[in-house]
Amino acid sequence: MPERMRVICRSEDVQERGPGFRFALPELGERTTGFVVRYNGQVQAYVNRCAHVPVELDWNEGDFFDVSGEYLICATHGAHYQPQTGYCVMGPCSGKSLIKIRTLERDHEILIQLD
């Protein structure tokens, strides 16, 4: 296992289009967090920071999807992001993207790798 890869949660902690799992990212700053969600069977992880203004996306912890379950949404300003890419398709940061984190799912665990 590459040395910068670490386990963040169990696979069962992240259900399809359900609440995301938040985790600390001390490598990127004291109060920086990340999150992982499952969309179309695949886990996706991002730095929990809107591309518009540097605020966390989830107003209520773990609520990253909009009501349709099709987009990740910033609770502060309503920016909508594609879950697979983090690309902003609607809102004040249209055309920008969330910072993606590499993920690996194996042995019933979700791991992240920081570059």
PDB file of N, CA and C in Angstrom:
ATOM      1  N   MET A   1       0.849  -1.173   0.000  1.00  0.00           N
ATOM      2  CA  MET A   1       0.000   0.000   0.000  1.00  0.00           C
ATOM      3  C   MET A   1       0.898   1.240   0.000  1.00  0.00           C
ATOM      4  N   PRO A   2       0.674   2.188  -0.947  1.00  0.00           N
ATOM      5  CA  PRO A   2       1.492   3.405  -0.938  1.00  0.00           C
ATOM      6  C   PRO A   2       1.391   4.105   0.409  1.00  0.00           C
ATOM      7  N   GLU A   3       2.491   4.711   0.823  1.00  0.00           N
ATOM      8  CA  GLU A   3       2.530   5.279   2.172  1.00  0.00           C
ATOM      9  C   GLU A   3       1.553   6.425   2.393  1.00  0.00           C
ATOM     10  N   ARG A   4       1.126   7.101   1.329  1.00  0.00           N
ATOM     11  CA  ARG A   4       0.207   8.225   1.503  1.00  0.00           C
ATOM     12  C   ARG A   4      -1.248   7.796   1.388  1.00  0.00           C
ATOM     13  N   MET A   5      -1.493   6.500   1.332  1.00  0.00           N
ATOM     14  CA  MET A   5      -2.854   5.989   1.253  1.00  0.00           C
ATOM     15  C   MET A   5      -3.309   5.643   2.668  1.00  0.00           C
ATOM     16  N   ARG A   6      -4.556   6.021   2.992  1.00  0.00           N
ATOM     17  CA  ARG A   6      -5.045   5.685   4.325  1.00  0.00           C
ATOM     18  C   ARG A   6      -6.530   5.344   4.286  1.00  0.00           C
ATOM     19  N   VAL A   7      -6.919   4.495   5.208  1.00  0.00           N
ATOM     20  CA  VAL A   7      -8.311   4.090   5.345  1.00  0.00           C
ATOM     21  C   VAL A   7      -9.084   5.229   5.996  1.00  0.00           C
ATOM     22  N   ILE A   8     -10.261   5.550   5.425  1.00  0.00           N
ATOM     23  CA  ILE A   8     -11.078   6.593   6.051  1.00  0.00           C
ATOM     24  C   ILE A   8     -12.374   6.050   6.628  1.00  0.00           C
ATOM     25  N   CYS A   9     -12.880   4.940   6.076  1.00  0.00           N
ATOM     26  CA  CYS A   9     -14.110   4.366   6.620  1.00  0.00           C
ATOM     27  C   CYS A   9     -14.345   2.981   6.025  1.00  0.00           C
ATOM     28  N   ARG A  10     -15.379   2.327   6.504  1.00  0.00           N
ATOM     29  CA  ARG A  10     -15.787   1.037   5.939  1.00  0.00           C
ATOM     30  C   ARG A  10     -16.689   1.307   4.733  1.00  0.00           C
ATOM     31  N   SER A  11     -16.696   0.400   3.799  1.00  0.00           N
ATOM     32  CA  SER A  11     -17.544   0.543   2.605  1.00  0.00           C
ATOM     33  C   SER A  11     -19.003   0.731   2.978  1.00  0.00           C
ATOM     34  N   GLU A  12     -19.464   0.008   3.982  1.00  0.00           N
ATOM     35  CA  GLU A  12     -20.874   0.079   4.383  1.00  0.00           C
ATOM     36  C   GLU A  12     -21.261   1.438   4.965  1.00  0.00           C
ATOM     37  N   ASP A  13     -20.279   2.274   5.314  1.00  0.00           N
ATOM     38  CA  ASP A  13     -20.567   3.599   5.855  1.00  0.00           C
ATOM     39  C   ASP A  13     -21.028   4.586   4.785  1.00  0.00           C
ATOM     40  N   VAL A  14     -20.874   4.209   3.509  1.00  0.00           N
ATOM     41  CA  VAL A  14     -21.205   5.115   2.409  1.00  0.00           C
ATOM     42  C   VAL A  14     -22.186   4.411   1.467  1.00  0.00           C
ATOM     43  N   GLN A  15     -23.457   4.749   1.627  1.00  0.00           N
ATOM     44  CA  GLN A  15     -24.521   4.132   0.832  1.00  0.00           C
ATOM     45  C   GLN A  15     -24.800   4.947  -0.425  1.00  0.00           C
ATOM     46  N   GLU A  16     -25.302   4.285  -1.440  1.00  0.00           N
ATOM     47  CA  GLU A  16     -25.636   4.915  -2.719  1.00  0.00           C
ATOM     48  C   GLU A  16     -26.486   6.166  -2.519  1.00  0.00           C
ATOM     49  N   ARG A  17     -25.951   7.308  -2.948  1.00  0.00           N
ATOM     50  CA  ARG A  17     -26.621   8.614  -2.906  1.00  0.00           C
ATOM     51  C   ARG A  17     -27.157   8.970  -1.525  1.00  0.00           C
ATOM     52  N   GLY A  18     -26.542   8.385  -0.505  1.00  0.00           N
ATOM     53  CA  GLY A  18     -26.931   8.665   0.873  1.00  0.00           C
ATOM     54  C   GLY A  18     -26.016   9.715   1.479  1.00  0.00           C
ATOM     55  N   PRO A  19     -26.087   9.870   2.784  1.00  0.00           N
ATOM     56  CA  PRO A  19     -25.205  10.838   3.446  1.00  0.00           C
ATOM     57  C   PRO A  19     -23.734  10.522   3.173  1.00  0.00           C
ATOM     58  N   GLY A  20     -22.963  11.565   3.006  1.00  0.00           N
ATOM     59  CA  GLY A  20     -21.529  11.395   2.798  1.00  0.00           C
ATOM     60  C   GLY A  20     -20.815  11.163   4.116  1.00  0.00           C
ATOM     61  N   PHE A  21     -19.604  10.652   4.017  1.00  0.00           N
ATOM     62  CA  PHE A  21     -18.776  10.423   5.200  1.00  0.00           C
ATOM     63  C   PHE A  21     -17.689  11.490   5.208  1.00  0.00           C
ATOM     64  N   ARG A  22     -17.648  12.280   6.277  1.00  0.00           N
ATOM     65  CA  ARG A  22     -16.643  13.346   6.427  1.00  0.00           C
ATOM     66  C   ARG A  22     -15.411  12.815   7.135  1.00  0.00           C
ATOM     67  N   PHE A  23     -14.260  13.369   6.792  1.00  0.00           N
ATOM     68  CA  PHE A  23     -13.011  12.987   7.447  1.00  0.00           C
ATOM     69  C   PHE A  23     -12.063  14.178   7.466  1.00  0.00           C
ATOM     70  N   ALA A  24     -11.175  14.166   8.446  1.00  0.00           N
ATOM     71  CA  ALA A  24     -10.189  15.248   8.601  1.00  0.00           C
ATOM     72  C   ALA A  24      -9.093  15.110   7.551  1.00  0.00           C
ATOM     73  N   LEU A  25      -8.601  16.262   7.091  1.00  0.00           N
ATOM     74  CA  LEU A  25      -7.475  16.310   6.156  1.00  0.00           C
ATOM     75  C   LEU A  25      -6.392  17.223   6.726  1.00  0.00           C
ATOM     76  N   PRO A  26      -5.764  16.811   7.822  1.00  0.00           N
ATOM     77  CA  PRO A  26      -4.764  17.689   8.454  1.00  0.00           C
ATOM     78  C   PRO A  26      -3.601  18.020   7.517  1.00  0.00           C
ATOM     79  N   GLU A  27      -3.384  17.186   6.503  1.00  0.00           N
ATOM     80  CA  GLU A  27      -2.301  17.448   5.540  1.00  0.00           C
ATOM     81  C   GLU A  27      -2.546  18.737   4.759  1.00  0.00           C
ATOM     82  N   LEU A  28      -3.810  19.152   4.666  1.00  0.00           N
ATOM     83  CA  LEU A  28      -4.163  20.339   3.886  1.00  0.00           C
ATOM     84  C   LEU A  28      -4.505  21.546   4.754  1.00  0.00           C
ATOM     85  N   GLY A  29      -4.445  21.379   6.052  1.00  0.00           N
ATOM     86  CA  GLY A  29      -4.744  22.485   6.954  1.00  0.00           C
ATOM     87  C   GLY A  29      -5.464  21.993   8.185  1.00  0.00           C
ATOM     88  N   GLU A  30      -5.301  22.717   9.276  1.00  0.00           N
ATOM     89  CA  GLU A  30      -5.813  22.292  10.576  1.00  0.00           C
ATOM     90  C   GLU A  30      -7.312  21.999  10.580  1.00  0.00           C
ATOM     91  N   ARG A  31      -8.094  22.822   9.902  1.00  0.00           N
ATOM     92  CA  ARG A  31      -9.557  22.647   9.930  1.00  0.00           C
ATOM     93  C   ARG A  31     -10.112  22.095   8.616  1.00  0.00           C
ATOM     94  N   THR A  32      -9.267  21.603   7.750  1.00  0.00           N
ATOM     95  CA  THR A  32      -9.714  21.116   6.451  1.00  0.00           C
ATOM     96  C   THR A  32     -10.309  19.717   6.572  1.00  0.00           C
ATOM     97  N   THR A  33     -11.458  19.535   5.912  1.00  0.00           N
ATOM     98  CA  THR A  33     -12.098  18.227   5.895  1.00  0.00           C
ATOM     99  C   THR A  33     -12.305  17.783   4.446  1.00  0.00           C
ATOM    100  N   GLY A  34     -12.537  16.502   4.313  1.00  0.00           N
ATOM    101  CA  GLY A  34     -12.905  15.929   3.036  1.00  0.00           C
ATOM    102  C   GLY A  34     -14.174  15.139   3.224  1.00  0.00           C
ATOM    103  N   PHE A  35     -14.710  14.637   2.118  1.00  0.00           N
ATOM    104  CA  PHE A  35     -15.886  13.783   2.210  1.00  0.00           C
ATOM    105  C   PHE A  35     -15.874  12.769   1.085  1.00  0.00           C
ATOM    106  N   VAL A  36     -16.543  11.676   1.342  1.00  0.00           N
ATOM    107  CA  VAL A  36     -16.701  10.634   0.332  1.00  0.00           C
ATOM    108  C   VAL A  36     -18.185  10.317   0.217  1.00  0.00           C
ATOM    109  N   VAL A  37     -18.634  10.117  -1.036  1.00  0.00           N
ATOM    110  CA  VAL A  37     -20.012   9.725  -1.329  1.00  0.00           C
ATOM    111  C   VAL A  37     -19.971   8.556  -2.302  1.00  0.00           C
ATOM    112  N   ARG A  38     -21.111   7.905  -2.444  1.00  0.00           N
ATOM    113  CA  ARG A  38     -21.229   6.827  -3.437  1.00  0.00           C
ATOM    114  C   ARG A  38     -22.283   7.261  -4.455  1.00  0.00           C
ATOM    115  N   TYR A  39     -21.903   7.198  -5.735  1.00  0.00           N
ATOM    116  CA  TYR A  39     -22.796   7.596  -6.820  1.00  0.00           C
ATOM    117  C   TYR A  39     -22.655   6.592  -7.948  1.00  0.00           C
ATOM    118  N   ASN A  40     -23.764   5.981  -8.354  1.00  0.00           N
ATOM    119  CA  ASN A  40     -23.754   4.940  -9.388  1.00  0.00           C
ATOM    120  C   ASN A  40     -22.762   3.829  -9.053  1.00  0.00           C
ATOM    121  N   GLY A  41     -22.705   3.474  -7.762  1.00  0.00           N
ATOM    122  CA  GLY A  41     -21.871   2.364  -7.312  1.00  0.00           C
ATOM    123  C   GLY A  41     -20.415   2.696  -7.075  1.00  0.00           C
ATOM    124  N   GLN A  42     -19.988   3.879  -7.456  1.00  0.00           N
ATOM    125  CA  GLN A  42     -18.582   4.268  -7.317  1.00  0.00           C
ATOM    126  C   GLN A  42     -18.408   5.269  -6.174  1.00  0.00           C
ATOM    127  N   VAL A  43     -17.322   5.112  -5.423  1.00  0.00           N
ATOM    128  CA  VAL A  43     -17.030   6.102  -4.378  1.00  0.00           C
ATOM    129  C   VAL A  43     -16.250   7.257  -4.995  1.00  0.00           C
ATOM    130  N   GLN A  44     -16.589   8.454  -4.536  1.00  0.00           N
ATOM    131  CA  GLN A  44     -15.939   9.676  -4.986  1.00  0.00           C
ATOM    132  C   GLN A  44     -15.600  10.481  -3.746  1.00  0.00           C
ATOM    133  N   ALA A  45     -14.399  11.043  -3.703  1.00  0.00           N
ATOM    134  CA  ALA A  45     -13.994  11.851  -2.548  1.00  0.00           C
ATOM    135  C   ALA A  45     -13.498  13.213  -3.018  1.00  0.00           C
ATOM    136  N   TYR A  46     -13.778  14.216  -2.192  1.00  0.00           N
ATOM    137  CA  TYR A  46     -13.401  15.594  -2.504  1.00  0.00           C
ATOM    138  C   TYR A  46     -12.991  16.323  -1.234  1.00  0.00           C
ATOM    139  N   VAL A  47     -12.216  17.390  -1.418  1.00  0.00           N
ATOM    140  CA  VAL A  47     -11.972  18.317  -0.321  1.00  0.00           C
ATOM    141  C   VAL A  47     -13.304  19.019  -0.082  1.00  0.00           C
ATOM    142  N   ASN A  48     -13.712  19.146   1.169  1.00  0.00           N
ATOM    143  CA  ASN A  48     -15.006  19.727   1.521  1.00  0.00           C
ATOM    144  C   ASN A  48     -14.905  21.255   1.510  1.00  0.00           C
ATOM    145  N   ARG A  49     -14.777  21.791   0.286  1.00  0.00           N
ATOM    146  CA  ARG A  49     -14.623  23.238   0.131  1.00  0.00           C
ATOM    147  C   ARG A  49     -15.260  23.645  -1.197  1.00  0.00           C
ATOM    148  N   CYS A  50     -16.227  24.535  -1.133  1.00  0.00           N
ATOM    149  CA  CYS A  50     -16.900  25.022  -2.330  1.00  0.00           C
ATOM    150  C   CYS A  50     -15.898  25.733  -3.240  1.00  0.00           C
ATOM    151  N   ALA A  51     -16.081  25.595  -4.546  1.00  0.00           N
ATOM    152  CA  ALA A  51     -15.203  26.250  -5.516  1.00  0.00           C
ATOM    153  C   ALA A  51     -15.512  27.740  -5.644  1.00  0.00           C
ATOM    154  N   HIS A  52     -16.622  28.180  -5.074  1.00  0.00           N
ATOM    155  CA  HIS A  52     -17.025  29.589  -5.135  1.00  0.00           C
ATOM    156  C   HIS A  52     -16.415  30.389  -3.996  1.00  0.00           C
ATOM    157  N   VAL A  53     -16.707  29.991  -2.781  1.00  0.00           N
ATOM    158  CA  VAL A  53     -16.193  30.616  -1.560  1.00  0.00           C
ATOM    159  C   VAL A  53     -15.705  29.468  -0.686  1.00  0.00           C
ATOM    160  N   PRO A  54     -14.561  29.590  -0.033  1.00  0.00           N
ATOM    161  CA  PRO A  54     -14.017  28.453   0.733  1.00  0.00           C
ATOM    162  C   PRO A  54     -14.799  28.123   2.008  1.00  0.00           C
ATOM    163  N   VAL A  55     -16.025  27.591   1.822  1.00  0.00           N
ATOM    164  CA  VAL A  55     -16.849  27.109   2.928  1.00  0.00           C
ATOM    165  C   VAL A  55     -17.129  25.630   2.680  1.00  0.00           C
ATOM    166  N   GLU A  56     -17.429  24.891   3.751  1.00  0.00           N
ATOM    167  CA  GLU A  56     -17.789  23.487   3.585  1.00  0.00           C
ATOM    168  C   GLU A  56     -19.126  23.393   2.870  1.00  0.00           C
ATOM    169  N   LEU A  57     -19.312  22.338   2.104  1.00  0.00           N
ATOM    170  CA  LEU A  57     -20.537  22.168   1.332  1.00  0.00           C
ATOM    171  C   LEU A  57     -21.742  21.820   2.188  1.00  0.00           C
ATOM    172  N   ASP A  58     -21.551  20.966   3.181  1.00  0.00           N
ATOM    173  CA  ASP A  58     -22.692  20.438   3.933  1.00  0.00           C
ATOM    174  C   ASP A  58     -23.064  21.315   5.125  1.00  0.00           C
ATOM    175  N   TRP A  59     -24.286  21.852   5.083  1.00  0.00           N
ATOM    176  CA  TRP A  59     -24.810  22.625   6.203  1.00  0.00           C
ATOM    177  C   TRP A  59     -25.122  21.681   7.354  1.00  0.00           C
ATOM    178  N   ASN A  60     -25.819  20.594   7.035  1.00  0.00           N
ATOM    179  CA  ASN A  60     -26.046  19.517   7.993  1.00  0.00           C
ATOM    180  C   ASN A  60     -25.017  18.449   7.677  1.00  0.00           C
ATOM    181  N   GLU A  61     -24.292  18.000   8.672  1.00  0.00           N
ATOM    182  CA  GLU A  61     -23.179  17.086   8.447  1.00  0.00           C
ATOM    183  C   GLU A  61     -23.569  15.878   7.602  1.00  0.00           C
ATOM    184  N   GLY A  62     -22.851  15.705   6.500  1.00  0.00           N
ATOM    185  CA  GLY A  62     -23.062  14.560   5.627  1.00  0.00           C
ATOM    186  C   GLY A  62     -24.079  14.765   4.527  1.00  0.00           C
ATOM    187  N   ASP A  63     -24.812  15.889   4.535  1.00  0.00           N
ATOM    188  CA  ASP A  63     -25.810  16.155   3.486  1.00  0.00           C
ATOM    189  C   ASP A  63     -25.127  16.835   2.300  1.00  0.00           C
ATOM    190  N   PHE A  64     -24.685  16.030   1.345  1.00  0.00           N
ATOM    191  CA  PHE A  64     -23.981  16.558   0.181  1.00  0.00           C
ATOM    192  C   PHE A  64     -24.821  16.525  -1.091  1.00  0.00           C
ATOM    193  N   PHE A  65     -25.797  15.607  -1.165  1.00  0.00           N
ATOM    194  CA  PHE A  65     -26.620  15.506  -2.367  1.00  0.00           C
ATOM    195  C   PHE A  65     -27.809  16.459  -2.307  1.00  0.00           C
ATOM    196  N   ASP A  66     -28.214  16.941  -3.494  1.00  0.00           N
ATOM    197  CA  ASP A  66     -29.446  17.723  -3.576  1.00  0.00           C
ATOM    198  C   ASP A  66     -30.630  16.769  -3.412  1.00  0.00           C
ATOM    199  N   VAL A  67     -31.856  17.292  -3.405  1.00  0.00           N
ATOM    200  CA  VAL A  67     -33.028  16.448  -3.161  1.00  0.00           C
ATOM    201  C   VAL A  67     -33.230  15.390  -4.234  1.00  0.00           C
ATOM    202  N   SER A  68     -32.746  15.635  -5.456  1.00  0.00           N
ATOM    203  CA  SER A  68     -32.902  14.649  -6.533  1.00  0.00           C
ATOM    204  C   SER A  68     -31.898  13.506  -6.429  1.00  0.00           C
ATOM    205  N   GLY A  69     -30.807  13.716  -5.663  1.00  0.00           N
ATOM    206  CA  GLY A  69     -29.754  12.707  -5.570  1.00  0.00           C
ATOM    207  C   GLY A  69     -28.860  12.673  -6.793  1.00  0.00           C
ATOM    208  N   GLU A  70     -28.988  13.663  -7.656  1.00  0.00           N
ATOM    209  CA  GLU A  70     -28.203  13.705  -8.896  1.00  0.00           C
ATOM    210  C   GLU A  70     -26.966  14.593  -8.807  1.00  0.00           C
ATOM    211  N   TYR A  71     -26.973  15.551  -7.888  1.00  0.00           N
ATOM    212  CA  TYR A  71     -25.864  16.502  -7.791  1.00  0.00           C
ATOM    213  C   TYR A  71     -25.418  16.680  -6.350  1.00  0.00           C
ATOM    214  N   LEU A  72     -24.131  16.996  -6.190  1.00  0.00           N
ATOM    215  CA  LEU A  72     -23.617  17.463  -4.905  1.00  0.00           C
ATOM    216  C   LEU A  72     -23.958  18.942  -4.859  1.00  0.00           C
ATOM    217  N   ILE A  73     -24.316  19.442  -3.694  1.00  0.00           N
ATOM    218  CA  ILE A  73     -24.754  20.832  -3.606  1.00  0.00           C
ATOM    219  C   ILE A  73     -24.077  21.541  -2.441  1.00  0.00           C
ATOM    220  N   CYS A  74     -23.755  22.806  -2.662  1.00  0.00           N
ATOM    221  CA  CYS A  74     -23.233  23.650  -1.585  1.00  0.00           C
ATOM    222  C   CYS A  74     -24.442  24.254  -0.879  1.00  0.00           C
ATOM    223  N   ALA A  75     -24.585  23.953   0.385  1.00  0.00           N
ATOM    224  CA  ALA A  75     -25.736  24.430   1.152  1.00  0.00           C
ATOM    225  C   ALA A  75     -25.728  25.947   1.329  1.00  0.00           C
ATOM    226  N   THR A  76     -24.573  26.582   1.199  1.00  0.00           N
ATOM    227  CA  THR A  76     -24.488  28.021   1.413  1.00  0.00           C
ATOM    228  C   THR A  76     -24.998  28.826   0.213  1.00  0.00           C
ATOM    229  N   HIS A  77     -24.520  28.507  -0.992  1.00  0.00           N
ATOM    230  CA  HIS A  77     -24.885  29.305  -2.162  1.00  0.00           C
ATOM    231  C   HIS A  77     -25.566  28.519  -3.275  1.00  0.00           C
ATOM    232  N   GLY A  78     -25.796  27.216  -3.083  1.00  0.00           N
ATOM    233  CA  GLY A  78     -26.553  26.434  -4.052  1.00  0.00           C
ATOM    234  C   GLY A  78     -25.803  25.945  -5.271  1.00  0.00           C
ATOM    235  N   ALA A  79     -24.492  26.026  -5.279  1.00  0.00           N
ATOM    236  CA  ALA A  79     -23.732  25.501  -6.419  1.00  0.00           C
ATOM    237  C   ALA A  79     -23.987  24.003  -6.544  1.00  0.00           C
ATOM    238  N   HIS A  80     -24.169  23.529  -7.778  1.00  0.00           N
ATOM    239  CA  HIS A  80     -24.417  22.118  -8.062  1.00  0.00           C
ATOM    240  C   HIS A  80     -23.209  21.522  -8.781  1.00  0.00           C
ATOM    241  N   TYR A  81     -22.729  20.394  -8.273  1.00  0.00           N
ATOM    242  CA  TYR A  81     -21.548  19.726  -8.823  1.00  0.00           C
ATOM    243  C   TYR A  81     -21.896  18.317  -9.279  1.00  0.00           C
ATOM    244  N   GLN A  82     -21.267  17.874 -10.371  1.00  0.00           N
ATOM    245  CA  GLN A  82     -21.421  16.493 -10.818  1.00  0.00           C
ATOM    246  C   GLN A  82     -20.703  15.583  -9.830  1.00  0.00           C
ATOM    247  N   PRO A  83     -21.380  14.557  -9.304  1.00  0.00           N
ATOM    248  CA  PRO A  83     -20.745  13.675  -8.315  1.00  0.00           C
ATOM    249  C   PRO A  83     -19.524  12.910  -8.851  1.00  0.00           C
ATOM    250  N   GLN A  84     -19.515  12.578 -10.145  1.00  0.00           N
ATOM    251  CA  GLN A  84     -18.409  11.796 -10.706  1.00  0.00           C
ATOM    252  C   GLN A  84     -17.142  12.617 -10.911  1.00  0.00           C
ATOM    253  N   THR A  85     -17.292  13.923 -11.157  1.00  0.00           N
ATOM    254  CA  THR A  85     -16.139  14.742 -11.530  1.00  0.00           C
ATOM    255  C   THR A  85     -15.879  15.918 -10.598  1.00  0.00           C
ATOM    256  N   GLY A  86     -16.909  16.366  -9.875  1.00  0.00           N
ATOM    257  CA  GLY A  86     -16.788  17.556  -9.043  1.00  0.00           C
ATOM    258  C   GLY A  86     -16.948  18.840  -9.819  1.00  0.00           C
ATOM    259  N   TYR A  87     -17.282  18.749 -11.106  1.00  0.00           N
ATOM    260  CA  TYR A  87     -17.435  19.913 -11.963  1.00  0.00           C
ATOM    261  C   TYR A  87     -18.725  20.657 -11.634  1.00  0.00           C
ATOM    262  N   CYS A  88     -18.643  21.977 -11.489  1.00  0.00           N
ATOM    263  CA  CYS A  88     -19.805  22.797 -11.153  1.00  0.00           C
ATOM    264  C   CYS A  88     -20.621  23.070 -12.412  1.00  0.00           C
ATOM    265  N   VAL A  89     -21.858  22.595 -12.422  1.00  0.00           N
ATOM    266  CA  VAL A  89     -22.727  22.748 -13.587  1.00  0.00           C
ATOM    267  C   VAL A  89     -23.756  23.862 -13.414  1.00  0.00           C
ATOM    268  N   MET A  90     -23.922  24.364 -12.183  1.00  0.00           N
ATOM    269  CA  MET A  90     -24.912  25.409 -11.939  1.00  0.00           C
ATOM    270  C   MET A  90     -24.546  26.146 -10.661  1.00  0.00           C
ATOM    271  N   GLY A  91     -24.722  27.452 -10.682  1.00  0.00           N
ATOM    272  CA  GLY A  91     -24.468  28.249  -9.498  1.00  0.00           C
ATOM    273  C   GLY A  91     -23.341  29.234  -9.707  1.00  0.00           C
ATOM    274  N   PRO A  92     -22.932  29.903  -8.627  1.00  0.00           N
ATOM    275  CA  PRO A  92     -21.957  30.992  -8.732  1.00  0.00           C
ATOM    276  C   PRO A  92     -20.545  30.568  -9.147  1.00  0.00           C
ATOM    277  N   CYS A  93     -20.242  29.289  -9.112  1.00  0.00           N
ATOM    278  CA  CYS A  93     -18.891  28.844  -9.503  1.00  0.00           C
ATOM    279  C   CYS A  93     -18.939  28.008 -10.776  1.00  0.00           C
ATOM    280  N   SER A  94     -19.975  28.191 -11.587  1.00  0.00           N
ATOM    281  CA  SER A  94     -20.153  27.413 -12.804  1.00  0.00           C
ATOM    282  C   SER A  94     -18.857  27.379 -13.619  1.00  0.00           C
ATOM    283  N   GLY A  95     -18.450  26.167 -13.983  1.00  0.00           N
ATOM    284  CA  GLY A  95     -17.228  25.985 -14.757  1.00  0.00           C
ATOM    285  C   GLY A  95     -16.015  25.634 -13.924  1.00  0.00           C
ATOM    286  N   LYS A  96     -16.086  25.814 -12.623  1.00  0.00           N
ATOM    287  CA  LYS A  96     -14.990  25.443 -11.734  1.00  0.00           C
ATOM    288  C   LYS A  96     -15.258  24.038 -11.191  1.00  0.00           C
ATOM    289  N   SER A  97     -14.341  23.513 -10.397  1.00  0.00           N
ATOM    290  CA  SER A  97     -14.499  22.154  -9.867  1.00  0.00           C
ATOM    291  C   SER A  97     -14.070  22.060  -8.414  1.00  0.00           C
ATOM    292  N   LEU A  98     -14.640  21.065  -7.746  1.00  0.00           N
ATOM    293  CA  LEU A  98     -14.168  20.690  -6.417  1.00  0.00           C
ATOM    294  C   LEU A  98     -12.800  20.026  -6.579  1.00  0.00           C
ATOM    295  N   ILE A  99     -12.032  19.976  -5.502  1.00  0.00           N
ATOM    296  CA  ILE A  99     -10.730  19.299  -5.527  1.00  0.00           C
ATOM    297  C   ILE A  99     -10.957  17.823  -5.247  1.00  0.00           C
ATOM    298  N   LYS A 100     -10.671  17.008  -6.250  1.00  0.00           N
ATOM    299  CA  LYS A 100     -10.906  15.565  -6.174  1.00  0.00           C
ATOM    300  C   LYS A 100      -9.770  14.883  -5.409  1.00  0.00           C
ATOM    301  N   ILE A 101     -10.140  13.846  -4.662  1.00  0.00           N
ATOM    302  CA  ILE A 101      -9.174  13.031  -3.919  1.00  0.00           C
ATOM    303  C   ILE A 101      -9.261  11.612  -4.460  1.00  0.00           C
ATOM    304  N   ARG A 102      -8.136  11.018  -4.766  1.00  0.00           N
ATOM    305  CA  ARG A 102      -8.122   9.636  -5.246  1.00  0.00           C
ATOM    306  C   ARG A 102      -8.651   8.688  -4.189  1.00  0.00           C
ATOM    307  N   THR A 103      -9.469   7.742  -4.639  1.00  0.00           N
ATOM    308  CA  THR A 103     -10.028   6.751  -3.720  1.00  0.00           C
ATOM    309  C   THR A 103      -9.757   5.349  -4.228  1.00  0.00           C
ATOM    310  N   LEU A 104      -9.790   4.432  -3.304  1.00  0.00           N
ATOM    311  CA  LEU A 104      -9.677   3.011  -3.607  1.00  0.00           C
ATOM    312  C   LEU A 104     -10.607   2.299  -2.636  1.00  0.00           C
ATOM    313  N   GLU A 105     -11.375   1.370  -3.168  1.00  0.00           N
ATOM    314  CA  GLU A 105     -12.255   0.580  -2.303  1.00  0.00           C
ATOM    315  C   GLU A 105     -11.825  -0.872  -2.425  1.00  0.00           C
ATOM    316  N   ARG A 106     -11.421  -1.439  -1.289  1.00  0.00           N
ATOM    317  CA  ARG A 106     -11.019  -2.849  -1.279  1.00  0.00           C
ATOM    318  C   ARG A 106     -11.169  -3.411   0.125  1.00  0.00           C
ATOM    319  N   ASP A 107     -11.415  -4.712   0.173  1.00  0.00           N
ATOM    320  CA  ASP A 107     -11.565  -5.412   1.453  1.00  0.00           C
ATOM    321  C   ASP A 107     -12.563  -4.717   2.373  1.00  0.00           C
ATOM    322  N   HIS A 108     -13.655  -4.215   1.792  1.00  0.00           N
ATOM    323  CA  HIS A 108     -14.741  -3.571   2.544  1.00  0.00           C
ATOM    324  C   HIS A 108     -14.297  -2.283   3.239  1.00  0.00           C
ATOM    325  N   GLU A 109     -13.264  -1.632   2.688  1.00  0.00           N
ATOM    326  CA  GLU A 109     -12.790  -0.354   3.229  1.00  0.00           C
ATOM    327  C   GLU A 109     -12.626   0.648   2.092  1.00  0.00           C
ATOM    328  N   ILE A 110     -12.781   1.932   2.442  1.00  0.00           N
ATOM    329  CA  ILE A 110     -12.537   3.012   1.493  1.00  0.00           C
ATOM    330  C   ILE A 110     -11.264   3.710   1.932  1.00  0.00           C
ATOM    331  N   LEU A 111     -10.341   3.831   1.003  1.00  0.00           N
ATOM    332  CA  LEU A 111      -9.062   4.470   1.258  1.00  0.00           C
ATOM    333  C   LEU A 111      -8.930   5.701   0.377  1.00  0.00           C
ATOM    334  N   ILE A 112      -8.173   6.679   0.840  1.00  0.00           N
ATOM    335  CA  ILE A 112      -7.868   7.846   0.023  1.00  0.00           C
ATOM    336  C   ILE A 112      -6.363   7.919  -0.161  1.00  0.00           C
ATOM    337  N   GLN A 113      -5.960   8.570  -1.254  1.00  0.00           N
ATOM    338  CA  GLN A 113      -4.543   8.799  -1.507  1.00  0.00           C
ATOM    339  C   GLN A 113      -4.365  10.269  -1.846  1.00  0.00           C
ATOM    340  N   LEU A 114      -3.567  10.950  -1.052  1.00  0.00           N
ATOM    341  CA  LEU A 114      -3.250  12.350  -1.329  1.00  0.00           C
ATOM    342  C   LEU A 114      -1.964  12.386  -2.148  1.00  0.00           C
ATOM    343  N   ASP A 115      -1.981  13.206  -3.191  1.00  0.00           N
ATOM    344  CA  ASP A 115      -0.807  13.322  -4.075  1.00  0.00           C
ATOM    345  C   ASP A 115       0.228  14.253  -3.484  1.00  0.00           C
TER     346      ASP A 115
END
